[in-house]
Protein backbone atom coordinates (compact mmCIF):
# COMPACT_ATOMS: atom_id res chain seq x y z
CA MET A 1 -163.89 -87.01 -152.27
CA THR A 2 -163.73 -89.95 -154.68
CA GLN A 3 -166.42 -90.24 -157.35
CA LEU A 4 -167.73 -93.63 -158.44
CA THR A 5 -169.59 -94.47 -161.62
CA LEU A 6 -172.12 -97.32 -161.72
CA ASP A 7 -173.66 -98.73 -164.86
CA MET A 8 -177.35 -99.37 -164.12
CA PRO A 9 -180.06 -100.45 -166.52
CA LYS A 10 -182.36 -97.49 -167.22
CA GLU A 11 -185.39 -99.63 -166.40
CA ILE A 12 -184.38 -99.83 -162.73
CA PHE A 13 -185.36 -96.18 -162.19
CA ALA A 14 -188.84 -96.72 -163.59
CA THR A 15 -189.22 -100.00 -161.69
CA LEU A 16 -188.33 -98.31 -158.39
CA HIS A 17 -190.10 -95.02 -159.27
CA LYS A 18 -186.93 -93.11 -158.55
CA ASP A 19 -184.85 -90.60 -160.47
CA PRO A 20 -181.09 -91.20 -160.59
CA GLU A 21 -180.39 -88.69 -157.78
CA GLU A 22 -182.93 -90.26 -155.41
CA PHE A 23 -181.68 -93.77 -156.32
CA THR A 24 -178.08 -92.74 -155.57
CA ARG A 25 -179.07 -91.23 -152.24
CA GLU A 26 -181.00 -94.36 -151.19
CA LEU A 27 -178.18 -96.61 -152.39
CA ARG A 28 -175.65 -94.75 -150.22
CA ILE A 29 -177.94 -94.98 -147.19
CA ALA A 30 -178.69 -98.68 -147.75
CA ALA A 31 -174.96 -99.48 -148.06
CA ALA A 32 -174.11 -97.46 -144.95
CA VAL A 33 -176.91 -99.15 -142.91
CA LYS A 34 -175.77 -102.64 -143.96
CA TRP A 35 -172.09 -101.97 -143.24
CA TYR A 36 -173.06 -100.52 -139.86
CA GLU A 37 -175.29 -103.55 -139.15
CA LEU A 38 -172.33 -105.86 -139.98
CA GLU A 39 -170.16 -103.76 -137.66
CA LEU A 40 -167.78 -102.93 -140.50
CA VAL A 41 -168.08 -99.20 -139.86
CA SER A 42 -168.90 -97.00 -136.91
CA GLN A 43 -172.06 -94.94 -136.76
CA GLY A 44 -170.03 -91.79 -137.47
CA ARG A 45 -168.40 -93.31 -140.55
CA ALA A 46 -171.77 -94.64 -141.71
CA VAL A 47 -173.23 -91.13 -141.48
CA GLU A 48 -170.39 -89.90 -143.74
CA ILE A 49 -170.98 -92.70 -146.27
CA ALA A 50 -174.71 -92.09 -146.29
CA GLY A 51 -174.26 -88.34 -146.70
CA VAL A 52 -176.98 -87.55 -144.17
CA THR A 53 -177.15 -86.14 -140.62
CA ARG A 54 -176.84 -88.51 -137.65
CA ALA A 55 -180.54 -88.00 -136.91
CA GLU A 56 -181.46 -88.97 -140.51
CA PHE A 57 -179.17 -91.99 -140.29
CA ILE A 58 -180.80 -93.15 -137.03
CA THR A 59 -184.22 -92.74 -138.70
CA ALA A 60 -182.94 -94.86 -141.65
CA LEU A 61 -181.76 -97.52 -139.19
CA GLY A 62 -185.32 -97.71 -137.84
CA GLN A 63 -186.74 -98.00 -141.37
CA TYR A 64 -184.40 -100.91 -142.06
CA LYS A 65 -185.11 -102.40 -138.59
CA VAL A 66 -181.44 -102.17 -137.54
CA SER A 67 -180.59 -101.26 -133.97
CA PRO A 68 -178.65 -98.05 -133.51
CA PHE A 69 -176.64 -99.82 -130.81
CA GLN A 70 -173.72 -102.06 -131.71
CA TYR A 71 -173.75 -103.79 -128.33
CA THR A 72 -176.03 -106.72 -127.56
CA ALA A 73 -177.84 -106.86 -124.23
CA ASP A 74 -175.54 -109.67 -123.14
CA GLU A 75 -172.46 -107.56 -123.96
CA VAL A 76 -173.78 -104.64 -121.94
CA LEU A 77 -174.55 -106.90 -118.96
CA ALA A 78 -171.09 -108.48 -119.19
CA GLU A 79 -169.41 -105.06 -119.18
CA LEU A 80 -171.48 -104.01 -116.20
CA ARG A 81 -170.46 -107.18 -114.31
CA ASP A 82 -166.81 -106.67 -115.26
CA ALA A 83 -166.90 -103.06 -114.04
CA ASP A 84 -167.58 -104.17 -110.43
């Protein structure tokens, strides 16, 4: 595993009422959710990035109001029509 170092102002932790560990955890989840939303990563890869279980990731998707499905309703209907 690769380790990254970020320089963050100390005040950010007080502002967000988070300790560095909690901040790091939430940062990983937020990045994974956004990259999943943009369809840059699969749900499985996003779970790895976030460092949580799939169930926890799906819960995070709900908290960020991101659909757990990467298909739109129109895409699903089109696939169903094409399958016939």
